[in-house]
Structure formats: structure tokens, C-alpha cells
Amino acid sequence: MTFQPFYMGNHTKPLDEHMQPSSYTLAENWGFQINFMVPLDKSGYKQCKELAKRQEERMKLEYEITRAHKCADLMKKGFMYRPNTPMAKVCQDIVPIVKAKPKKEKKFKLF
């Protein structure tokens, strides 16, 4: 929807034969115009929704990568959030790869 106000005015002073103003005419026109636009093809609307969904997914991925990176930095420096605090939940699922990998057991030791 668009809203457009307008003003059209005309102020005239006609001159008589002696080049003197004989009268004064004032014509003013005020108003507004409202336009409603309805898309006839919904493909633009669908495309916009798809782009918004992809942007949201991209932002979520960027947030998760940044969160993991910052939590890992804290852990490397020997820090962590105090357990049982609201912020402790932020890094609770970030673990070093060494801890996540299961240890391989050697059945036969040759050397």
C-alpha cells in the first residue's frame, strides 16, 4: 500500500490594458492518493520466503560456529563457566575431539 499526498495550486493576477492587475485568482487543489498493490504471481512471494529461510539457516550456522570457537578458546586458556549457572549451558556441549573419540583397543601387540 502506498499513500501519496498532493497539492496543486495556481495563483494568477491577470493584467488589464494599462498593465495593472485587475483581479486575483486563487485555485488550490489538495488531496491524496492511496494505491494497493496485489501480486498476481506468487512466485516472488515464495522466493522471498525461501531466501529468508536460507538466511535464517546461515545465521544460525554462523552463531553455532562462533559459539563453538569461543567456547574452545575459553577451554584452551583454562577457563569455563561456573557449573549450574545460566551461562554454563552455552558451552556444555562443546568437548575436545580427544574426549569424543572412542579409544581403539589393540588385541595383539607386536612391538
PDB file of N, CA and C in Angstrom:
ATOM      1  N   MET A   1       0.848  -1.167   0.000  1.00  0.00           N
ATOM      2  CA  MET A   1       0.000   0.000   0.000  1.00  0.00           C
ATOM      3  C   MET A   1       0.898   1.235   0.000  1.00  0.00           C
ATOM      4  N   THR A   2       0.557   2.200  -0.781  1.00  0.00           N
ATOM      5  CA  THR A   2       1.283   3.470  -0.779  1.00  0.00           C
ATOM      6  C   THR A   2       0.293   4.604  -0.547  1.00  0.00           C
ATOM      7  N   PHE A   3       0.769   5.646   0.085  1.00  0.00           N
ATOM      8  CA  PHE A   3      -0.033   6.836   0.370  1.00  0.00           C
ATOM      9  C   PHE A   3       0.728   8.041  -0.164  1.00  0.00           C
ATOM     10  N   GLN A   4       0.086   8.814  -1.042  1.00  0.00           N
ATOM     11  CA  GLN A   4       0.755   9.958  -1.658  1.00  0.00           C
ATOM     12  C   GLN A   4      -0.123  11.200  -1.534  1.00  0.00           C
ATOM     13  N   PRO A   5       0.258  12.133  -0.679  1.00  0.00           N
ATOM     14  CA  PRO A   5      -0.480  13.406  -0.639  1.00  0.00           C
ATOM     15  C   PRO A   5      -0.038  14.296  -1.801  1.00  0.00           C
ATOM     16  N   PHE A   6      -0.912  15.221  -2.218  1.00  0.00           N
ATOM     17  CA  PHE A   6      -0.527  16.143  -3.284  1.00  0.00           C
ATOM     18  C   PHE A   6      -1.169  17.506  -3.084  1.00  0.00           C
ATOM     19  N   TYR A   7      -0.543  18.493  -3.712  1.00  0.00           N
ATOM     20  CA  TYR A   7      -1.055  19.871  -3.739  1.00  0.00           C
ATOM     21  C   TYR A   7      -0.807  20.426  -5.132  1.00  0.00           C
ATOM     22  N   MET A   8      -1.849  20.953  -5.715  1.00  0.00           N
ATOM     23  CA  MET A   8      -1.707  21.647  -6.993  1.00  0.00           C
ATOM     24  C   MET A   8      -2.356  23.017  -6.810  1.00  0.00           C
ATOM     25  N   GLY A   9      -1.567  24.059  -6.988  1.00  0.00           N
ATOM     26  CA  GLY A   9      -2.101  25.400  -6.785  1.00  0.00           C
ATOM     27  C   GLY A   9      -1.788  26.312  -7.959  1.00  0.00           C
ATOM     28  N   ASN A  10      -2.663  27.309  -8.146  1.00  0.00           N
ATOM     29  CA  ASN A  10      -2.487  28.272  -9.218  1.00  0.00           C
ATOM     30  C   ASN A  10      -2.903  29.640  -8.692  1.00  0.00           C
ATOM     31  N   HIS A  11      -1.953  30.541  -8.638  1.00  0.00           N
ATOM     32  CA  HIS A  11      -2.222  31.911  -8.197  1.00  0.00           C
ATOM     33  C   HIS A  11      -1.940  32.822  -9.392  1.00  0.00           C
ATOM     34  N   THR A  12      -2.957  33.510  -9.872  1.00  0.00           N
ATOM     35  CA  THR A  12      -2.762  34.374 -11.054  1.00  0.00           C
ATOM     36  C   THR A  12      -3.282  35.778 -10.790  1.00  0.00           C
ATOM     37  N   LYS A  13      -2.609  36.747 -11.425  1.00  0.00           N
ATOM     38  CA  LYS A  13      -3.040  38.148 -11.402  1.00  0.00           C
ATOM     39  C   LYS A  13      -3.131  38.620 -12.853  1.00  0.00           C
ATOM     40  N   PRO A  14      -4.308  38.520 -13.474  1.00  0.00           N
ATOM     41  CA  PRO A  14      -4.419  38.978 -14.851  1.00  0.00           C
ATOM     42  C   PRO A  14      -4.238  40.508 -14.931  1.00  0.00           C
ATOM     43  N   LEU A  15      -3.655  40.960 -16.000  1.00  0.00           N
ATOM     44  CA  LEU A  15      -3.404  42.393 -16.187  1.00  0.00           C
ATOM     45  C   LEU A  15      -4.437  42.992 -17.145  1.00  0.00           C
ATOM     46  N   ASP A  16      -4.836  44.235 -16.876  1.00  0.00           N
ATOM     47  CA  ASP A  16      -5.758  44.916 -17.790  1.00  0.00           C
ATOM     48  C   ASP A  16      -4.975  45.621 -18.894  1.00  0.00           C
ATOM     49  N   GLU A  17      -5.654  46.468 -19.679  1.00  0.00           N
ATOM     50  CA  GLU A  17      -4.986  47.138 -20.802  1.00  0.00           C
ATOM     51  C   GLU A  17      -3.910  48.126 -20.360  1.00  0.00           C
ATOM     52  N   HIS A  18      -3.932  48.586 -19.112  1.00  0.00           N
ATOM     53  CA  HIS A  18      -2.922  49.517 -18.590  1.00  0.00           C
ATOM     54  C   HIS A  18      -1.813  48.795 -17.836  1.00  0.00           C
ATOM     55  N   MET A  19      -1.768  47.465 -18.010  1.00  0.00           N
ATOM     56  CA  MET A  19      -0.768  46.619 -17.360  1.00  0.00           C
ATOM     57  C   MET A  19      -0.849  46.662 -15.834  1.00  0.00           C
ATOM     58  N   GLN A  20      -2.044  46.846 -15.323  1.00  0.00           N
ATOM     59  CA  GLN A  20      -2.302  46.833 -13.888  1.00  0.00           C
ATOM     60  C   GLN A  20      -3.078  45.556 -13.551  1.00  0.00           C
ATOM     61  N   PRO A  21      -2.784  44.938 -12.404  1.00  0.00           N
ATOM     62  CA  PRO A  21      -3.550  43.741 -12.032  1.00  0.00           C
ATOM     63  C   PRO A  21      -5.018  44.086 -11.833  1.00  0.00           C
ATOM     64  N   SER A  22      -5.898  43.379 -12.514  1.00  0.00           N
ATOM     65  CA  SER A  22      -7.333  43.671 -12.403  1.00  0.00           C
ATOM     66  C   SER A  22      -8.019  42.784 -11.373  1.00  0.00           C
ATOM     67  N   SER A  23      -7.514  41.605 -11.173  1.00  0.00           N
ATOM     68  CA  SER A  23      -8.118  40.706 -10.185  1.00  0.00           C
ATOM     69  C   SER A  23      -7.051  39.700  -9.734  1.00  0.00           C
ATOM     70  N   TYR A  24      -7.458  38.917  -8.792  1.00  0.00           N
ATOM     71  CA  TYR A  24      -6.543  37.908  -8.287  1.00  0.00           C
ATOM     72  C   TYR A  24      -7.305  36.577  -8.256  1.00  0.00           C
ATOM     73  N   THR A  25      -6.745  35.543  -8.862  1.00  0.00           N
ATOM     74  CA  THR A  25      -7.403  34.239  -8.905  1.00  0.00           C
ATOM     75  C   THR A  25      -6.558  33.240  -8.122  1.00  0.00           C
ATOM     76  N   LEU A  26      -7.233  32.577  -7.265  1.00  0.00           N
ATOM     77  CA  LEU A  26      -6.560  31.568  -6.440  1.00  0.00           C
ATOM     78  C   LEU A  26      -7.265  30.232  -6.664  1.00  0.00           C
ATOM     79  N   ALA A  27      -6.543  29.270  -7.150  1.00  0.00           N
ATOM     80  CA  ALA A  27      -7.103  27.931  -7.352  1.00  0.00           C
ATOM     81  C   ALA A  27      -6.166  26.938  -6.659  1.00  0.00           C
ATOM     82  N   GLU A  28      -6.677  26.261  -5.661  1.00  0.00           N
ATOM     83  CA  GLU A  28      -5.870  25.285  -4.932  1.00  0.00           C
ATOM     84  C   GLU A  28      -6.567  23.933  -4.951  1.00  0.00           C
ATOM     85  N   ASN A  29      -5.778  22.912  -5.072  1.00  0.00           N
ATOM     86  CA  ASN A  29      -6.280  21.553  -5.100  1.00  0.00           C
ATOM     87  C   ASN A  29      -5.428  20.714  -4.149  1.00  0.00           C
ATOM     88  N   TRP A  30      -6.035  20.209  -3.107  1.00  0.00           N
ATOM     89  CA  TRP A  30      -5.343  19.363  -2.136  1.00  0.00           C
ATOM     90  C   TRP A  30      -5.966  17.977  -2.191  1.00  0.00           C
ATOM     91  N   GLY A  31      -5.163  16.984  -1.885  1.00  0.00           N
ATOM     92  CA  GLY A  31      -5.732  15.645  -1.842  1.00  0.00           C
ATOM     93  C   GLY A  31      -4.675  14.601  -1.561  1.00  0.00           C
ATOM     94  N   PHE A  32      -5.080  13.366  -1.685  1.00  0.00           N
ATOM     95  CA  PHE A  32      -4.141  12.266  -1.520  1.00  0.00           C
ATOM     96  C   PHE A  32      -4.604  11.106  -2.393  1.00  0.00           C
ATOM     97  N   GLN A  33      -3.661  10.229  -2.628  1.00  0.00           N
ATOM     98  CA  GLN A  33      -3.933   9.057  -3.440  1.00  0.00           C
ATOM     99  C   GLN A  33      -3.432   7.839  -2.680  1.00  0.00           C
ATOM    100  N   ILE A  34      -4.251   6.807  -2.625  1.00  0.00           N
ATOM    101  CA  ILE A  34      -3.874   5.552  -1.981  1.00  0.00           C
ATOM    102  C   ILE A  34      -3.858   4.464  -3.050  1.00  0.00           C
ATOM    103  N   ASN A  35      -2.768   3.725  -3.091  1.00  0.00           N
ATOM    104  CA  ASN A  35      -2.637   2.622  -4.050  1.00  0.00           C
ATOM    105  C   ASN A  35      -2.474   1.316  -3.290  1.00  0.00           C
ATOM    106  N   PHE A  36      -3.158   0.317  -3.731  1.00  0.00           N
ATOM    107  CA  PHE A  36      -2.995  -1.037  -3.204  1.00  0.00           C
ATOM    108  C   PHE A  36      -2.396  -1.889  -4.304  1.00  0.00           C
ATOM    109  N   MET A  37      -1.337  -2.615  -3.963  1.00  0.00           N
ATOM    110  CA  MET A  37      -0.679  -3.464  -4.945  1.00  0.00           C
ATOM    111  C   MET A  37      -0.828  -4.918  -4.524  1.00  0.00           C
ATOM    112  N   VAL A  38      -1.314  -5.730  -5.405  1.00  0.00           N
ATOM    113  CA  VAL A  38      -1.511  -7.147  -5.142  1.00  0.00           C
ATOM    114  C   VAL A  38      -0.743  -7.924  -6.201  1.00  0.00           C
ATOM    115  N   PRO A  39       0.218  -8.750  -5.777  1.00  0.00           N
ATOM    116  CA  PRO A  39       0.964  -9.526  -6.778  1.00  0.00           C
ATOM    117  C   PRO A  39       0.056 -10.574  -7.424  1.00  0.00           C
ATOM    118  N   LEU A  40       0.108 -10.657  -8.724  1.00  0.00           N
ATOM    119  CA  LEU A  40      -0.692 -11.650  -9.435  1.00  0.00           C
ATOM    120  C   LEU A  40       0.044 -12.984  -9.525  1.00  0.00           C
ATOM    121  N   ASP A  41       1.355 -12.933  -9.431  1.00  0.00           N
ATOM    122  CA  ASP A  41       2.174 -14.133  -9.488  1.00  0.00           C
ATOM    123  C   ASP A  41       2.795 -14.340  -8.117  1.00  0.00           C
ATOM    124  N   LYS A  42       2.517 -15.454  -7.483  1.00  0.00           N
ATOM    125  CA  LYS A  42       3.008 -15.685  -6.122  1.00  0.00           C
ATOM    126  C   LYS A  42       4.430 -16.223  -6.076  1.00  0.00           C
ATOM    127  N   SER A  43       5.082 -16.381  -7.218  1.00  0.00           N
ATOM    128  CA  SER A  43       6.435 -16.931  -7.214  1.00  0.00           C
ATOM    129  C   SER A  43       7.414 -15.991  -6.505  1.00  0.00           C
ATOM    130  N   GLY A  44       7.228 -14.688  -6.623  1.00  0.00           N
ATOM    131  CA  GLY A  44       8.088 -13.736  -5.927  1.00  0.00           C
ATOM    132  C   GLY A  44       7.962 -13.876  -4.416  1.00  0.00           C
ATOM    133  N   TYR A  45       6.740 -14.075  -3.955  1.00  0.00           N
ATOM    134  CA  TYR A  45       6.489 -14.261  -2.529  1.00  0.00           C
ATOM    135  C   TYR A  45       7.149 -15.536  -2.032  1.00  0.00           C
ATOM    136  N   LYS A  46       7.019 -16.616  -2.806  1.00  0.00           N
ATOM    137  CA  LYS A  46       7.636 -17.888  -2.423  1.00  0.00           C
ATOM    138  C   LYS A  46       9.155 -17.774  -2.419  1.00  0.00           C
ATOM    139  N   GLN A  47       9.700 -17.095  -3.415  1.00  0.00           N
ATOM    140  CA  GLN A  47      11.147 -16.916  -3.489  1.00  0.00           C
ATOM    141  C   GLN A  47      11.656 -16.105  -2.299  1.00  0.00           C
ATOM    142  N   CYS A  48      10.913 -15.087  -1.916  1.00  0.00           N
ATOM    143  CA  CYS A  48      11.293 -14.260  -0.765  1.00  0.00           C
ATOM    144  C   CYS A  48      11.302 -15.102   0.511  1.00  0.00           C
ATOM    145  N   LYS A  49      10.299 -15.960   0.689  1.00  0.00           N
ATOM    146  CA  LYS A  49      10.249 -16.822   1.870  1.00  0.00           C
ATOM    147  C   LYS A  49      11.418 -17.805   1.879  1.00  0.00           C
ATOM    148  N   GLU A  50      11.770 -18.358   0.713  1.00  0.00           N
ATOM    149  CA  GLU A  50      12.893 -19.291   0.630  1.00  0.00           C
ATOM    150  C   GLU A  50      14.209 -18.590   0.961  1.00  0.00           C
ATOM    151  N   LEU A  51      14.375 -17.370   0.443  1.00  0.00           N
ATOM    152  CA  LEU A  51      15.587 -16.610   0.745  1.00  0.00           C
ATOM    153  C   LEU A  51      15.677 -16.293   2.230  1.00  0.00           C
ATOM    154  N   ALA A  52      14.561 -15.931   2.824  1.00  0.00           N
ATOM    155  CA  ALA A  52      14.550 -15.635   4.265  1.00  0.00           C
ATOM    156  C   ALA A  52      14.887 -16.878   5.074  1.00  0.00           C
ATOM    157  N   LYS A  53      14.385 -18.034   4.659  1.00  0.00           N
ATOM    158  CA  LYS A  53      14.679 -19.281   5.372  1.00  0.00           C
ATOM    159  C   LYS A  53      16.164 -19.613   5.275  1.00  0.00           C
ATOM    160  N   ARG A  54      16.751 -19.465   4.069  1.00  0.00           N
ATOM    161  CA  ARG A  54      18.181 -19.732   3.906  1.00  0.00           C
ATOM    162  C   ARG A  54      19.025 -18.762   4.716  1.00  0.00           C
ATOM    163  N   GLN A  55      18.615 -17.504   4.759  1.00  0.00           N
ATOM    164  CA  GLN A  55      19.344 -16.508   5.545  1.00  0.00           C
ATOM    165  C   GLN A  55      19.284 -16.852   7.026  1.00  0.00           C
ATOM    166  N   GLU A  56      18.126 -17.300   7.481  1.00  0.00           N
ATOM    167  CA  GLU A  56      17.981 -17.700   8.890  1.00  0.00           C
ATOM    168  C   GLU A  56      18.878 -18.900   9.204  1.00  0.00           C
ATOM    169  N   GLU A  57      18.915 -19.883   8.292  1.00  0.00           N
ATOM    170  CA  GLU A  57      19.779 -21.050   8.497  1.00  0.00           C
ATOM    171  C   GLU A  57      21.253 -20.646   8.504  1.00  0.00           C
ATOM    172  N   ARG A  58      21.620 -19.744   7.621  1.00  0.00           N
ATOM    173  CA  ARG A  58      23.006 -19.266   7.563  1.00  0.00           C
ATOM    174  C   ARG A  58      23.388 -18.552   8.860  1.00  0.00           C
ATOM    175  N   MET A  59      22.480 -17.724   9.367  1.00  0.00           N
ATOM    176  CA  MET A  59      22.744 -17.004  10.618  1.00  0.00           C
ATOM    177  C   MET A  59      22.861 -17.975  11.795  1.00  0.00           C
ATOM    178  N   LYS A  60      22.020 -19.016  11.819  1.00  0.00           N
ATOM    179  CA  LYS A  60      22.083 -19.999  12.894  1.00  0.00           C
ATOM    180  C   LYS A  60      23.406 -20.759  12.846  1.00  0.00           C
ATOM    181  N   LEU A  61      23.825 -21.157  11.631  1.00  0.00           N
ATOM    182  CA  LEU A  61      25.099 -21.860  11.475  1.00  0.00           C
ATOM    183  C   LEU A  61      26.260 -20.978  11.924  1.00  0.00           C
ATOM    184  N   GLU A  62      26.233 -19.716  11.528  1.00  0.00           N
ATOM    185  CA  GLU A  62      27.298 -18.794  11.934  1.00  0.00           C
ATOM    186  C   GLU A  62      27.328 -18.628  13.449  1.00  0.00           C
ATOM    187  N   TYR A  63      26.167 -18.555  14.079  1.00  0.00           N
ATOM    188  CA  TYR A  63      26.089 -18.441  15.534  1.00  0.00           C
ATOM    189  C   TYR A  63      26.704 -19.675  16.198  1.00  0.00           C
ATOM    190  N   GLU A  64      26.330 -20.869  15.706  1.00  0.00           N
ATOM    191  CA  GLU A  64      26.822 -22.104  16.321  1.00  0.00           C
ATOM    192  C   GLU A  64      28.338 -22.247  16.155  1.00  0.00           C
ATOM    193  N   ILE A  65      28.865 -21.892  14.984  1.00  0.00           N
ATOM    194  CA  ILE A  65      30.310 -21.977  14.764  1.00  0.00           C
ATOM    195  C   ILE A  65      31.042 -20.982  15.660  1.00  0.00           C
ATOM    196  N   THR A  66      30.530 -19.785  15.763  1.00  0.00           N
ATOM    197  CA  THR A  66      31.149 -18.772  16.626  1.00  0.00           C
ATOM    198  C   THR A  66      31.099 -19.202  18.087  1.00  0.00           C
ATOM    199  N   ARG A  67      29.969 -19.769  18.507  1.00  0.00           N
ATOM    200  CA  ARG A  67      29.826 -20.241  19.892  1.00  0.00           C
ATOM    201  C   ARG A  67      30.853 -21.334  20.178  1.00  0.00           C
ATOM    202  N   ALA A  68      30.989 -22.300  19.274  1.00  0.00           N
ATOM    203  CA  ALA A  68      31.951 -23.394  19.476  1.00  0.00           C
ATOM    204  C   ALA A  68      33.376 -22.847  19.515  1.00  0.00           C
ATOM    205  N   HIS A  69      33.680 -21.917  18.635  1.00  0.00           N
ATOM    206  CA  HIS A  69      35.026 -21.333  18.580  1.00  0.00           C
ATOM    207  C   HIS A  69      35.358 -20.595  19.884  1.00  0.00           C
ATOM    208  N   LYS A  70      34.438 -19.789  20.359  1.00  0.00           N
ATOM    209  CA  LYS A  70      34.683 -19.017  21.590  1.00  0.00           C
ATOM    210  C   LYS A  70      34.769 -19.924  22.814  1.00  0.00           C
ATOM    211  N   CYS A  71      33.926 -20.963  22.864  1.00  0.00           N
ATOM    212  CA  CYS A  71      33.995 -21.898  23.994  1.00  0.00           C
ATOM    213  C   CYS A  71      35.321 -22.650  23.985  1.00  0.00           C
ATOM    214  N   ALA A  72      35.774 -23.060  22.792  1.00  0.00           N
ATOM    215  CA  ALA A  72      37.061 -23.760  22.685  1.00  0.00           C
ATOM    216  C   ALA A  72      38.200 -22.839  23.111  1.00  0.00           C
ATOM    217  N   ASP A  73      38.134 -21.565  22.729  1.00  0.00           N
ATOM    218  CA  ASP A  73      39.158 -20.602  23.158  1.00  0.00           C
ATOM    219  C   ASP A  73      39.206 -20.498  24.684  1.00  0.00           C
ATOM    220  N   LEU A  74      38.021 -20.439  25.306  1.00  0.00           N
ATOM    221  CA  LEU A  74      37.975 -20.377  26.775  1.00  0.00           C
ATOM    222  C   LEU A  74      38.621 -21.614  27.392  1.00  0.00           C
ATOM    223  N   MET A  75      38.299 -22.781  26.829  1.00  0.00           N
ATOM    224  CA  MET A  75      38.844 -24.024  27.371  1.00  0.00           C
ATOM    225  C   MET A  75      40.361 -24.101  27.186  1.00  0.00           C
ATOM    226  N   LYS A  76      40.860 -23.649  26.039  1.00  0.00           N
ATOM    227  CA  LYS A  76      42.309 -23.643  25.797  1.00  0.00           C
ATOM    228  C   LYS A  76      43.026 -22.771  26.818  1.00  0.00           C
ATOM    229  N   LYS A  77      42.396 -21.679  27.206  1.00  0.00           N
ATOM    230  CA  LYS A  77      43.004 -20.753  28.156  1.00  0.00           C
ATOM    231  C   LYS A  77      42.806 -21.210  29.599  1.00  0.00           C
ATOM    232  N   GLY A  78      42.094 -22.327  29.773  1.00  0.00           N
ATOM    233  CA  GLY A  78      41.913 -22.877  31.114  1.00  0.00           C
ATOM    234  C   GLY A  78      40.715 -22.296  31.852  1.00  0.00           C
ATOM    235  N   PHE A  79      39.752 -21.760  31.131  1.00  0.00           N
ATOM    236  CA  PHE A  79      38.576 -21.178  31.771  1.00  0.00           C
ATOM    237  C   PHE A  79      37.318 -21.924  31.344  1.00  0.00           C
ATOM    238  N   MET A  80      36.284 -21.776  32.149  1.00  0.00           N
ATOM    239  CA  MET A  80      34.964 -22.304  31.826  1.00  0.00           C
ATOM    240  C   MET A  80      33.936 -21.525  32.621  1.00  0.00           C
ATOM    241  N   TYR A  81      32.694 -21.647  32.238  1.00  0.00           N
ATOM    242  CA  TYR A  81      31.634 -21.015  33.020  1.00  0.00           C
ATOM    243  C   TYR A  81      31.421 -21.820  34.296  1.00  0.00           C
ATOM    244  N   ARG A  82      31.058 -21.134  35.337  1.00  0.00           N
ATOM    245  CA  ARG A  82      30.798 -21.815  36.608  1.00  0.00           C
ATOM    246  C   ARG A  82      29.620 -22.774  36.418  1.00  0.00           C
ATOM    247  N   PRO A  83      29.769 -24.033  36.838  1.00  0.00           N
ATOM    248  CA  PRO A  83      28.669 -25.004  36.706  1.00  0.00           C
ATOM    249  C   PRO A  83      27.407 -24.522  37.429  1.00  0.00           C
ATOM    250  N   ASN A  84      26.284 -24.951  36.917  1.00  0.00           N
ATOM    251  CA  ASN A  84      24.965 -24.642  37.484  1.00  0.00           C
ATOM    252  C   ASN A  84      24.615 -23.161  37.415  1.00  0.00           C
ATOM    253  N   THR A  85      25.182 -22.449  36.453  1.00  0.00           N
ATOM    254  CA  THR A  85      24.779 -21.064  36.203  1.00  0.00           C
ATOM    255  C   THR A  85      24.114 -21.028  34.822  1.00  0.00           C
ATOM    256  N   PRO A  86      23.308 -20.013  34.559  1.00  0.00           N
ATOM    257  CA  PRO A  86      22.634 -19.956  33.258  1.00  0.00           C
ATOM    258  C   PRO A  86      23.609 -19.969  32.069  1.00  0.00           C
ATOM    259  N   MET A  87      24.766 -19.366  32.199  1.00  0.00           N
ATOM    260  CA  MET A  87      25.715 -19.310  31.093  1.00  0.00           C
ATOM    261  C   MET A  87      26.477 -20.608  30.904  1.00  0.00           C
ATOM    262  N   ALA A  88      26.478 -21.509  31.881  1.00  0.00           N
ATOM    263  CA  ALA A  88      27.178 -22.788  31.750  1.00  0.00           C
ATOM    264  C   ALA A  88      26.583 -23.619  30.615  1.00  0.00           C
ATOM    265  N   LYS A  89      25.312 -23.412  30.330  1.00  0.00           N
ATOM    266  CA  LYS A  89      24.640 -24.142  29.250  1.00  0.00           C
ATOM    267  C   LYS A  89      25.213 -23.793  27.880  1.00  0.00           C
ATOM    268  N   VAL A  90      25.809 -22.608  27.756  1.00  0.00           N
ATOM    269  CA  VAL A  90      26.315 -22.148  26.464  1.00  0.00           C
ATOM    270  C   VAL A  90      27.391 -23.078  25.930  1.00  0.00           C
ATOM    271  N   CYS A  91      28.271 -23.564  26.791  1.00  0.00           N
ATOM    272  CA  CYS A  91      29.402 -24.388  26.351  1.00  0.00           C
ATOM    273  C   CYS A  91      29.301 -25.847  26.774  1.00  0.00           C
ATOM    274  N   GLN A  92      28.185 -26.275  27.310  1.00  0.00           N
ATOM    275  CA  GLN A  92      28.114 -27.626  27.856  1.00  0.00           C
ATOM    276  C   GLN A  92      28.253 -28.717  26.796  1.00  0.00           C
ATOM    277  N   ASP A  93      27.928 -28.435  25.544  1.00  0.00           N
ATOM    278  CA  ASP A  93      28.020 -29.467  24.511  1.00  0.00           C
ATOM    279  C   ASP A  93      29.295 -29.362  23.667  1.00  0.00           C
ATOM    280  N   ILE A  94      30.220 -28.501  24.045  1.00  0.00           N
ATOM    281  CA  ILE A  94      31.492 -28.359  23.337  1.00  0.00           C
ATOM    282  C   ILE A  94      32.535 -29.192  24.078  1.00  0.00           C
ATOM    283  N   VAL A  95      33.055 -30.214  23.403  1.00  0.00           N
ATOM    284  CA  VAL A  95      34.058 -31.087  24.021  1.00  0.00           C
ATOM    285  C   VAL A  95      35.223 -31.263  23.054  1.00  0.00           C
ATOM    286  N   PRO A  96      36.424 -31.466  23.582  1.00  0.00           N
ATOM    287  CA  PRO A  96      37.569 -31.731  22.698  1.00  0.00           C
ATOM    288  C   PRO A  96      37.380 -33.038  21.932  1.00  0.00           C
ATOM    289  N   ILE A  97      37.933 -33.116  20.732  1.00  0.00           N
ATOM    290  CA  ILE A  97      37.801 -34.314  19.902  1.00  0.00           C
ATOM    291  C   ILE A  97      38.406 -35.522  20.598  1.00  0.00           C
ATOM    292  N   VAL A  98      39.470 -35.344  21.338  1.00  0.00           N
ATOM    293  CA  VAL A  98      40.128 -36.443  22.036  1.00  0.00           C
ATOM    294  C   VAL A  98      39.146 -37.144  22.971  1.00  0.00           C
ATOM    295  N   LYS A  99      38.304 -36.388  23.630  1.00  0.00           N
ATOM    296  CA  LYS A  99      37.340 -36.978  24.558  1.00  0.00           C
ATOM    297  C   LYS A  99      36.163 -37.620  23.816  1.00  0.00           C
ATOM    298  N   ALA A 100      35.858 -37.144  22.632  1.00  0.00           N
ATOM    299  CA  ALA A 100      34.713 -37.657  21.896  1.00  0.00           C
ATOM    300  C   ALA A 100      35.027 -38.947  21.147  1.00  0.00           C
ATOM    301  N   LYS A 101      36.294 -39.155  20.772  1.00  0.00           N
ATOM    302  CA  LYS A 101      36.679 -40.364  20.037  1.00  0.00           C
ATOM    303  C   LYS A 101      36.778 -41.546  20.995  1.00  0.00           C
ATOM    304  N   PRO A 102      36.199 -42.682  20.597  1.00  0.00           N
ATOM    305  CA  PRO A 102      36.403 -43.871  21.432  1.00  0.00           C
ATOM    306  C   PRO A 102      37.834 -44.375  21.248  1.00  0.00           C
ATOM    307  N   LYS A 103      38.427 -44.883  22.320  1.00  0.00           N
ATOM    308  CA  LYS A 103      39.806 -45.379  22.251  1.00  0.00           C
ATOM    309  C   LYS A 103      39.828 -46.719  21.543  1.00  0.00           C
ATOM    310  N   LYS A 104      40.817 -46.879  20.665  1.00  0.00           N
ATOM    311  CA  LYS A 104      40.980 -48.146  19.960  1.00  0.00           C
ATOM    312  C   LYS A 104      41.762 -49.104  20.862  1.00  0.00           C
ATOM    313  N   GLU A 105      41.250 -50.298  20.951  1.00  0.00           N
ATOM    314  CA  GLU A 105      41.932 -51.317  21.749  1.00  0.00           C
ATOM    315  C   GLU A 105      42.760 -52.190  20.819  1.00  0.00           C
ATOM    316  N   LYS A 106      43.975 -52.438  21.203  1.00  0.00           N
ATOM    317  CA  LYS A 106      44.839 -53.315  20.426  1.00  0.00           C
ATOM    318  C   LYS A 106      44.763 -54.708  21.052  1.00  0.00           C
ATOM    319  N   LYS A 107      44.400 -55.665  20.226  1.00  0.00           N
ATOM    320  CA  LYS A 107      44.301 -57.036  20.720  1.00  0.00           C
ATOM    321  C   LYS A 107      45.658 -57.725  20.726  1.00  0.00           C
ATOM    322  N   PHE A 108      46.418 -57.444  19.695  1.00  0.00           N
ATOM    323  CA  PHE A 108      47.733 -58.089  19.588  1.00  0.00           C
ATOM    324  C   PHE A 108      48.805 -57.020  19.562  1.00  0.00           C
ATOM    325  N   LYS A 109      49.717 -57.129  20.477  1.00  0.00           N
ATOM    326  CA  LYS A 109      50.827 -56.178  20.497  1.00  0.00           C
ATOM    327  C   LYS A 109      52.039 -56.853  19.901  1.00  0.00           C
ATOM    328  N   LEU A 110      52.482 -56.333  18.768  1.00  0.00           N
ATOM    329  CA  LEU A 110      53.651 -56.913  18.119  1.00  0.00           C
ATOM    330  C   LEU A 110      54.921 -56.221  18.572  1.00  0.00           C
ATOM    331  N   PHE A 111      54.862 -55.003  18.892  1.00  0.00           N
ATOM    332  CA  PHE A 111      56.071 -54.253  19.269  1.00  0.00           C
ATOM    333  C   PHE A 111      55.934 -53.681  20.632  1.00  0.00           C
TER     334      PHE A 111
END
